[in-house]
Amino acid sequence: MPTYAYACKDCGHAFDIVQAFTDSSLSDCPECQGPLRKKFNSVGVVFKGSGFYRTDSRDSKGSTVSAAPAAPAASPAPASASAAAAS
């Protein structure tokens, strides 16, 4: 179950509490009965090791993707159109 941090808007009392996802948020301060606000902290996920950097999955020679998309090659006119033009 996750731990949530709360702080009172009136008296400033701050505390952490373990609650299930389905539990409703607390609204009253246990010290002064004032309104509470939920504090948001950084996420508790830390990525360690190789494979999490942009350059880890690239070839040592550089990127193989071109900066601009290639222009489509011009296709020759159909044979029936060139035969009609010659007549």
PDB file of N, CA and C in Angstrom:
ATOM      1  N   MET A   1       0.845  -1.184   0.000  1.00  0.00           N
ATOM      2  CA  MET A   1       0.000   0.000   0.000  1.00  0.00           C
ATOM      3  C   MET A   1       0.888   1.245   0.000  1.00  0.00           C
ATOM      4  N   PRO A   2       0.481   2.273  -0.715  1.00  0.00           N
ATOM      5  CA  PRO A   2       1.297   3.484  -0.810  1.00  0.00           C
ATOM      6  C   PRO A   2       1.212   4.353   0.439  1.00  0.00           C
ATOM      7  N   THR A   3       2.243   5.169   0.625  1.00  0.00           N
ATOM      8  CA  THR A   3       2.289   6.130   1.718  1.00  0.00           C
ATOM      9  C   THR A   3       1.998   7.511   1.151  1.00  0.00           C
ATOM     10  N   TYR A   4       1.064   8.221   1.772  1.00  0.00           N
ATOM     11  CA  TYR A   4       0.694   9.563   1.339  1.00  0.00           C
ATOM     12  C   TYR A   4       1.115  10.571   2.392  1.00  0.00           C
ATOM     13  N   ALA A   5       1.540  11.747   1.956  1.00  0.00           N
ATOM     14  CA  ALA A   5       1.945  12.829   2.853  1.00  0.00           C
ATOM     15  C   ALA A   5       0.852  13.894   2.850  1.00  0.00           C
ATOM     16  N   TYR A   6       0.488  14.344   4.052  1.00  0.00           N
ATOM     17  CA  TYR A   6      -0.518  15.382   4.219  1.00  0.00           C
ATOM     18  C   TYR A   6       0.067  16.528   5.029  1.00  0.00           C
ATOM     19  N   ALA A   7      -0.467  17.733   4.844  1.00  0.00           N
ATOM     20  CA  ALA A   7      -0.101  18.894   5.641  1.00  0.00           C
ATOM     21  C   ALA A   7      -1.360  19.705   5.906  1.00  0.00           C
ATOM     22  N   CYS A   8      -1.454  20.227   7.107  1.00  0.00           N
ATOM     23  CA  CYS A   8      -2.608  21.039   7.488  1.00  0.00           C
ATOM     24  C   CYS A   8      -2.433  22.446   6.942  1.00  0.00           C
ATOM     25  N   LYS A   9      -3.500  23.008   6.395  1.00  0.00           N
ATOM     26  CA  LYS A   9      -3.466  24.369   5.867  1.00  0.00           C
ATOM     27  C   LYS A   9      -3.464  25.414   6.983  1.00  0.00           C
ATOM     28  N   ASP A  10      -4.004  25.068   8.139  1.00  0.00           N
ATOM     29  CA  ASP A  10      -4.102  26.027   9.245  1.00  0.00           C
ATOM     30  C   ASP A  10      -2.872  26.010  10.153  1.00  0.00           C
ATOM     31  N   CYS A  11      -2.564  24.846  10.735  1.00  0.00           N
ATOM     32  CA  CYS A  11      -1.487  24.784  11.731  1.00  0.00           C
ATOM     33  C   CYS A  11      -0.153  24.322  11.151  1.00  0.00           C
ATOM     34  N   GLY A  12      -0.129  23.795   9.917  1.00  0.00           N
ATOM     35  CA  GLY A  12       1.114  23.366   9.294  1.00  0.00           C
ATOM     36  C   GLY A  12       1.573  21.973   9.703  1.00  0.00           C
ATOM     37  N   HIS A  13       0.788  21.264  10.507  1.00  0.00           N
ATOM     38  CA  HIS A  13       1.152  19.906  10.929  1.00  0.00           C
ATOM     39  C   HIS A  13       1.275  19.009   9.698  1.00  0.00           C
ATOM     40  N   ALA A  14       2.416  18.328   9.574  1.00  0.00           N
ATOM     41  CA  ALA A  14       2.654  17.449   8.432  1.00  0.00           C
ATOM     42  C   ALA A  14       2.845  16.026   8.940  1.00  0.00           C
ATOM     43  N   PHE A  15       2.293  15.056   8.195  1.00  0.00           N
ATOM     44  CA  PHE A  15       2.420  13.651   8.579  1.00  0.00           C
ATOM     45  C   PHE A  15       2.249  12.765   7.362  1.00  0.00           C
ATOM     46  N   ASP A  16       2.703  11.537   7.481  1.00  0.00           N
ATOM     47  CA  ASP A  16       2.558  10.521   6.438  1.00  0.00           C
ATOM     48  C   ASP A  16       1.611   9.452   6.935  1.00  0.00           C
ATOM     49  N   ILE A  17       0.859   8.861   6.012  1.00  0.00           N
ATOM     50  CA  ILE A  17      -0.064   7.791   6.375  1.00  0.00           C
ATOM     51  C   ILE A  17      -0.106   6.759   5.246  1.00  0.00           C
ATOM     52  N   VAL A  18      -0.204   5.502   5.613  1.00  0.00           N
ATOM     53  CA  VAL A  18      -0.304   4.416   4.644  1.00  0.00           C
ATOM     54  C   VAL A  18      -1.784   4.180   4.374  1.00  0.00           C
ATOM     55  N   GLN A  19      -2.175   4.306   3.107  1.00  0.00           N
ATOM     56  CA  GLN A  19      -3.568   4.127   2.711  1.00  0.00           C
ATOM     57  C   GLN A  19      -3.632   3.258   1.472  1.00  0.00           C
ATOM     58  N   ALA A  20      -4.723   2.524   1.331  1.00  0.00           N
ATOM     59  CA  ALA A  20      -4.975   1.748   0.124  1.00  0.00           C
ATOM     60  C   ALA A  20      -5.425   2.704  -0.979  1.00  0.00           C
ATOM     61  N   PHE A  21      -5.296   2.249  -2.221  1.00  0.00           N
ATOM     62  CA  PHE A  21      -5.746   3.079  -3.346  1.00  0.00           C
ATOM     63  C   PHE A  21      -7.240   3.365  -3.260  1.00  0.00           C
ATOM     64  N   THR A  22      -7.989   2.465  -2.683  1.00  0.00           N
ATOM     65  CA  THR A  22      -9.441   2.621  -2.619  1.00  0.00           C
ATOM     66  C   THR A  22      -9.898   3.490  -1.462  1.00  0.00           C
ATOM     67  N   ASP A  23      -9.007   3.798  -0.513  1.00  0.00           N
ATOM     68  CA  ASP A  23      -9.380   4.655   0.624  1.00  0.00           C
ATOM     69  C   ASP A  23      -9.564   6.093   0.158  1.00  0.00           C
ATOM     70  N   SER A  24     -10.490   6.775   0.780  1.00  0.00           N
ATOM     71  CA  SER A  24     -10.694   8.185   0.440  1.00  0.00           C
ATOM     72  C   SER A  24      -9.619   9.038   1.116  1.00  0.00           C
ATOM     73  N   SER A  25      -9.352  10.205   0.543  1.00  0.00           N
ATOM     74  CA  SER A  25      -8.341  11.107   1.090  1.00  0.00           C
ATOM     75  C   SER A  25      -8.797  11.661   2.430  1.00  0.00           C
ATOM     76  N   LEU A  26      -7.828  11.942   3.305  1.00  0.00           N
ATOM     77  CA  LEU A  26      -8.157  12.560   4.587  1.00  0.00           C
ATOM     78  C   LEU A  26      -8.496  14.019   4.366  1.00  0.00           C
ATOM     79  N   SER A  27      -9.370  14.570   5.203  1.00  0.00           N
ATOM     80  CA  SER A  27      -9.776  15.955   5.017  1.00  0.00           C
ATOM     81  C   SER A  27      -9.608  16.791   6.282  1.00  0.00           C
ATOM     82  N   ASP A  28      -9.480  16.173   7.456  1.00  0.00           N
ATOM     83  CA  ASP A  28      -9.375  16.917   8.712  1.00  0.00           C
ATOM     84  C   ASP A  28      -8.052  16.625   9.402  1.00  0.00           C
ATOM     85  N   CYS A  29      -7.398  17.672   9.892  1.00  0.00           N
ATOM     86  CA  CYS A  29      -6.133  17.546  10.603  1.00  0.00           C
ATOM     87  C   CYS A  29      -6.368  16.861  11.950  1.00  0.00           C
ATOM     88  N   PRO A  30      -5.535  15.877  12.301  1.00  0.00           N
ATOM     89  CA  PRO A  30      -5.708  15.219  13.603  1.00  0.00           C
ATOM     90  C   PRO A  30      -5.309  16.118  14.775  1.00  0.00           C
ATOM     91  N   GLU A  31      -4.560  17.198  14.549  1.00  0.00           N
ATOM     92  CA  GLU A  31      -4.126  18.108  15.607  1.00  0.00           C
ATOM     93  C   GLU A  31      -5.161  19.195  15.891  1.00  0.00           C
ATOM     94  N   CYS A  32      -5.608  19.908  14.832  1.00  0.00           N
ATOM     95  CA  CYS A  32      -6.477  21.073  15.042  1.00  0.00           C
ATOM     96  C   CYS A  32      -7.818  20.966  14.327  1.00  0.00           C
ATOM     97  N   GLN A  33      -8.077  19.874  13.636  1.00  0.00           N
ATOM     98  CA  GLN A  33      -9.309  19.646  12.866  1.00  0.00           C
ATOM     99  C   GLN A  33      -9.441  20.595  11.682  1.00  0.00           C
ATOM    100  N   GLY A  34      -8.353  21.242  11.279  1.00  0.00           N
ATOM    101  CA  GLY A  34      -8.361  22.140  10.127  1.00  0.00           C
ATOM    102  C   GLY A  34      -8.310  21.347   8.828  1.00  0.00           C
ATOM    103  N   PRO A  35      -8.413  22.033   7.689  1.00  0.00           N
ATOM    104  CA  PRO A  35      -8.402  21.349   6.393  1.00  0.00           C
ATOM    105  C   PRO A  35      -6.996  20.844   6.034  1.00  0.00           C
ATOM    106  N   LEU A  36      -6.939  19.676   5.424  1.00  0.00           N
ATOM    107  CA  LEU A  36      -5.676  19.079   5.003  1.00  0.00           C
ATOM    108  C   LEU A  36      -5.482  19.240   3.504  1.00  0.00           C
ATOM    109  N   ARG A  37      -4.231  19.220   3.101  1.00  0.00           N
ATOM    110  CA  ARG A  37      -3.909  19.143   1.673  1.00  0.00           C
ATOM    111  C   ARG A  37      -2.928  17.994   1.501  1.00  0.00           C
ATOM    112  N   LYS A  38      -3.052  17.316   0.373  1.00  0.00           N
ATOM    113  CA  LYS A  38      -2.156  16.198   0.077  1.00  0.00           C
ATOM    114  C   LYS A  38      -0.898  16.762  -0.559  1.00  0.00           C
ATOM    115  N   LYS A  39       0.256  16.361  -0.038  1.00  0.00           N
ATOM    116  CA  LYS A  39       1.534  16.792  -0.578  1.00  0.00           C
ATOM    117  C   LYS A  39       1.990  15.779  -1.616  1.00  0.00           C
ATOM    118  N   PHE A  40       2.577  16.263  -2.684  1.00  0.00           N
ATOM    119  CA  PHE A  40       3.066  15.383  -3.732  1.00  0.00           C
ATOM    120  C   PHE A  40       4.578  15.367  -3.702  1.00  0.00           C
ATOM    121  N   ASN A  41       5.136  14.171  -3.677  1.00  0.00           N
ATOM    122  CA  ASN A  41       6.580  13.990  -3.639  1.00  0.00           C
ATOM    123  C   ASN A  41       7.051  13.405  -4.958  1.00  0.00           C
ATOM    124  N   SER A  42       8.354  13.331  -5.107  1.00  0.00           N
ATOM    125  CA  SER A  42       8.903  12.723  -6.312  1.00  0.00           C
ATOM    126  C   SER A  42       8.596  11.235  -6.321  1.00  0.00           C
ATOM    127  N   VAL A  43       8.578  10.670  -7.500  1.00  0.00           N
ATOM    128  CA  VAL A  43       8.254   9.258  -7.666  1.00  0.00           C
ATOM    129  C   VAL A  43       9.395   8.415  -7.122  1.00  0.00           C
ATOM    130  N   GLY A  44       9.081   7.320  -6.479  1.00  0.00           N
ATOM    131  CA  GLY A  44      10.080   6.459  -5.867  1.00  0.00           C
ATOM    132  C   GLY A  44      10.669   5.435  -6.802  1.00  0.00           C
ATOM    133  N   VAL A  45      10.850   5.777  -8.068  1.00  0.00           N
ATOM    134  CA  VAL A  45      11.437   4.852  -9.030  1.00  0.00           C
ATOM    135  C   VAL A  45      12.804   5.393  -9.426  1.00  0.00           C
ATOM    136  N   VAL A  46      13.814   4.551  -9.361  1.00  0.00           N
ATOM    137  CA  VAL A  46      15.159   4.955  -9.733  1.00  0.00           C
ATOM    138  C   VAL A  46      15.660   3.970 -10.778  1.00  0.00           C
ATOM    139  N   PHE A  47      16.078   4.488 -11.930  1.00  0.00           N
ATOM    140  CA  PHE A  47      16.621   3.654 -12.993  1.00  0.00           C
ATOM    141  C   PHE A  47      18.139   3.620 -12.857  1.00  0.00           C
ATOM    142  N   LYS A  48      18.677   2.422 -12.664  1.00  0.00           N
ATOM    143  CA  LYS A  48      20.125   2.268 -12.528  1.00  0.00           C
ATOM    144  C   LYS A  48      20.613   1.260 -13.552  1.00  0.00           C
ATOM    145  N   GLY A  49      21.844   1.395 -13.943  1.00  0.00           N
ATOM    146  CA  GLY A  49      22.430   0.438 -14.869  1.00  0.00           C
ATOM    147  C   GLY A  49      22.415   0.949 -16.285  1.00  0.00           C
ATOM    148  N   SER A  50      22.936   0.136 -17.188  1.00  0.00           N
ATOM    149  CA  SER A  50      22.999   0.549 -18.584  1.00  0.00           C
ATOM    150  C   SER A  50      21.647   0.326 -19.251  1.00  0.00           C
ATOM    151  N   GLY A  51      21.456   0.974 -20.380  1.00  0.00           N
ATOM    152  CA  GLY A  51      20.223   0.806 -21.132  1.00  0.00           C
ATOM    153  C   GLY A  51      19.226   1.911 -20.935  1.00  0.00           C
ATOM    154  N   PHE A  52      19.550   2.912 -20.135  1.00  0.00           N
ATOM    155  CA  PHE A  52      18.601   3.976 -19.873  1.00  0.00           C
ATOM    156  C   PHE A  52      19.059   5.324 -20.425  1.00  0.00           C
ATOM    157  N   TYR A  53      20.082   5.297 -21.248  1.00  0.00           N
ATOM    158  CA  TYR A  53      20.573   6.530 -21.840  1.00  0.00           C
ATOM    159  C   TYR A  53      20.321   6.512 -23.342  1.00  0.00           C
ATOM    160  N   ARG A  54      20.206   7.665 -23.934  1.00  0.00           N
ATOM    161  CA  ARG A  54      19.902   7.781 -25.360  1.00  0.00           C
ATOM    162  C   ARG A  54      20.987   7.125 -26.207  1.00  0.00           C
ATOM    163  N   THR A  55      22.207   7.227 -25.787  1.00  0.00           N
ATOM    164  CA  THR A  55      23.316   6.714 -26.579  1.00  0.00           C
ATOM    165  C   THR A  55      23.565   5.223 -26.383  1.00  0.00           C
ATOM    166  N   ASP A  56      22.951   4.578 -25.418  1.00  0.00           N
ATOM    167  CA  ASP A  56      23.207   3.166 -25.150  1.00  0.00           C
ATOM    168  C   ASP A  56      22.748   2.250 -26.267  1.00  0.00           C
ATOM    169  N   SER A  57      21.690   2.587 -26.966  1.00  0.00           N
ATOM    170  CA  SER A  57      21.146   1.693 -27.980  1.00  0.00           C
ATOM    171  C   SER A  57      21.600   2.066 -29.384  1.00  0.00           C
ATOM    172  N   ARG A  58      22.519   2.996 -29.514  1.00  0.00           N
ATOM    173  CA  ARG A  58      22.951   3.452 -30.825  1.00  0.00           C
ATOM    174  C   ARG A  58      24.264   2.798 -31.228  1.00  0.00           C
ATOM    175  N   ASP A  59      24.480   2.743 -32.524  1.00  0.00           N
ATOM    176  CA  ASP A  59      25.721   2.240 -33.081  1.00  0.00           C
ATOM    177  C   ASP A  59      26.838   3.234 -32.767  1.00  0.00           C
ATOM    178  N   SER A  60      28.037   2.753 -32.588  1.00  0.00           N
ATOM    179  CA  SER A  60      29.145   3.645 -32.258  1.00  0.00           C
ATOM    180  C   SER A  60      29.488   4.591 -33.403  1.00  0.00           C
ATOM    181  N   LYS A  61      29.087   4.260 -34.639  1.00  0.00           N
ATOM    182  CA  LYS A  61      29.372   5.118 -35.793  1.00  0.00           C
ATOM    183  C   LYS A  61      28.429   6.310 -35.866  1.00  0.00           C
ATOM    184  N   GLY A  62      27.332   6.265 -35.183  1.00  0.00           N
ATOM    185  CA  GLY A  62      26.380   7.367 -35.221  1.00  0.00           C
ATOM    186  C   GLY A  62      25.006   6.862 -35.600  1.00  0.00           C
ATOM    187  N   SER A  63      24.128   7.773 -35.790  1.00  0.00           N
ATOM    188  CA  SER A  63      22.747   7.442 -36.104  1.00  0.00           C
ATOM    189  C   SER A  63      22.610   6.981 -37.547  1.00  0.00           C
ATOM    190  N   THR A  64      21.743   6.003 -37.784  1.00  0.00           N
ATOM    191  CA  THR A  64      21.495   5.529 -39.138  1.00  0.00           C
ATOM    192  C   THR A  64      20.253   6.170 -39.730  1.00  0.00           C
ATOM    193  N   VAL A  65      19.570   6.983 -38.958  1.00  0.00           N
ATOM    194  CA  VAL A  65      18.358   7.651 -39.433  1.00  0.00           C
ATOM    195  C   VAL A  65      18.752   8.989 -40.023  1.00  0.00           C
ATOM    196  N   SER A  66      18.270   9.278 -41.241  1.00  0.00           N
ATOM    197  CA  SER A  66      18.608  10.548 -41.875  1.00  0.00           C
ATOM    198  C   SER A  66      17.796  11.668 -41.246  1.00  0.00           C
ATOM    199  N   ALA A  67      18.328  12.879 -41.346  1.00  0.00           N
ATOM    200  CA  ALA A  67      17.677  14.026 -40.732  1.00  0.00           C
ATOM    201  C   ALA A  67      16.422  14.434 -41.495  1.00  0.00           C
ATOM    202  N   ALA A  68      16.434  14.321 -42.833  1.00  0.00           N
ATOM    203  CA  ALA A  68      15.282  14.701 -43.643  1.00  0.00           C
ATOM    204  C   ALA A  68      14.784  13.470 -44.399  1.00  0.00           C
ATOM    205  N   PRO A  69      13.492  13.343 -44.564  1.00  0.00           N
ATOM    206  CA  PRO A  69      12.987  12.195 -45.310  1.00  0.00           C
ATOM    207  C   PRO A  69      13.396  12.282 -46.785  1.00  0.00           C
ATOM    208  N   ALA A  70      13.672  11.146 -47.385  1.00  0.00           N
ATOM    209  CA  ALA A  70      14.082  11.105 -48.784  1.00  0.00           C
ATOM    210  C   ALA A  70      12.899  11.439 -49.681  1.00  0.00           C
ATOM    211  N   ALA A  71      13.182  12.144 -50.779  1.00  0.00           N
ATOM    212  CA  ALA A  71      12.132  12.488 -51.736  1.00  0.00           C
ATOM    213  C   ALA A  71      11.746  11.233 -52.509  1.00  0.00           C
ATOM    214  N   PRO A  72      10.476  11.050 -52.822  1.00  0.00           N
ATOM    215  CA  PRO A  72      10.068   9.861 -53.568  1.00  0.00           C
ATOM    216  C   PRO A  72      10.662   9.897 -54.981  1.00  0.00           C
ATOM    217  N   ALA A  73      11.072   8.737 -55.452  1.00  0.00           N
ATOM    218  CA  ALA A  73      11.666   8.640 -56.796  1.00  0.00           C
ATOM    219  C   ALA A  73      10.584   8.871 -57.847  1.00  0.00           C
ATOM    220  N   ALA A  74      10.955   9.571 -58.916  1.00  0.00           N
ATOM    221  CA  ALA A  74      10.009   9.828 -59.997  1.00  0.00           C
ATOM    222  C   ALA A  74       9.764   8.530 -60.752  1.00  0.00           C
ATOM    223  N   SER A  75       8.510   8.196 -60.944  1.00  0.00           N
ATOM    224  CA  SER A  75       8.190   6.951 -61.664  1.00  0.00           C
ATOM    225  C   SER A  75       8.023   7.268 -63.141  1.00  0.00           C
ATOM    226  N   PRO A  76       8.467   6.361 -64.016  1.00  0.00           N
ATOM    227  CA  PRO A  76       8.301   6.599 -65.451  1.00  0.00           C
ATOM    228  C   PRO A  76       6.823   6.564 -65.832  1.00  0.00           C
ATOM    229  N   ALA A  77       6.498   7.238 -66.945  1.00  0.00           N
ATOM    230  CA  ALA A  77       5.105   7.267 -67.404  1.00  0.00           C
ATOM    231  C   ALA A  77       4.690   5.872 -67.843  1.00  0.00           C
ATOM    232  N   PRO A  78       3.434   5.516 -67.648  1.00  0.00           N
ATOM    233  CA  PRO A  78       2.964   4.198 -68.082  1.00  0.00           C
ATOM    234  C   PRO A  78       3.142   4.017 -69.589  1.00  0.00           C
ATOM    235  N   ALA A  79       3.327   2.782 -70.012  1.00  0.00           N
ATOM    236  CA  ALA A  79       3.572   2.480 -71.425  1.00  0.00           C
ATOM    237  C   ALA A  79       2.413   2.885 -72.317  1.00  0.00           C
ATOM    238  N   SER A  80       1.202   2.759 -71.818  1.00  0.00           N
ATOM    239  CA  SER A  80       0.037   3.112 -72.643  1.00  0.00           C
ATOM    240  C   SER A  80      -0.030   4.615 -72.904  1.00  0.00           C
ATOM    241  N   ALA A  81       0.424   5.426 -71.963  1.00  0.00           N
ATOM    242  CA  ALA A  81       0.398   6.871 -72.151  1.00  0.00           C
ATOM    243  C   ALA A  81       1.455   7.296 -73.166  1.00  0.00           C
ATOM    244  N   SER A  82       2.658   6.667 -73.111  1.00  0.00           N
ATOM    245  CA  SER A  82       3.694   7.056 -74.063  1.00  0.00           C
ATOM    246  C   SER A  82       3.353   6.551 -75.479  1.00  0.00           C
ATOM    247  N   ALA A  83       2.665   5.441 -75.603  1.00  0.00           N
ATOM    248  CA  ALA A  83       2.269   4.920 -76.911  1.00  0.00           C
ATOM    249  C   ALA A  83       1.206   5.814 -77.526  1.00  0.00           C
ATOM    250  N   ALA A  84       0.284   6.333 -76.732  1.00  0.00           N
ATOM    251  CA  ALA A  84      -0.768   7.214 -77.238  1.00  0.00           C
ATOM    252  C   ALA A  84      -0.171   8.540 -77.668  1.00  0.00           C
ATOM    253  N   ALA A  85       0.876   8.994 -76.995  1.00  0.00           N
ATOM    254  CA  ALA A  85       1.493  10.265 -77.358  1.00  0.00           C
ATOM    255  C   ALA A  85       2.259  10.151 -78.669  1.00  0.00           C
ATOM    256  N   ALA A  86       2.817   8.951 -78.961  1.00  0.00           N
ATOM    257  CA  ALA A  86       3.590   8.752 -80.184  1.00  0.00           C
ATOM    258  C   ALA A  86       2.684   8.666 -81.412  1.00  0.00           C
ATOM    259  N   SER A  87       1.421   8.349 -81.248  1.00  0.00           N
ATOM    260  CA  SER A  87       0.536   8.171 -82.412  1.00  0.00           C
ATOM    261  C   SER A  87       0.038   9.469 -82.974  1.00  0.00           C
TER     262      SER A  87
END
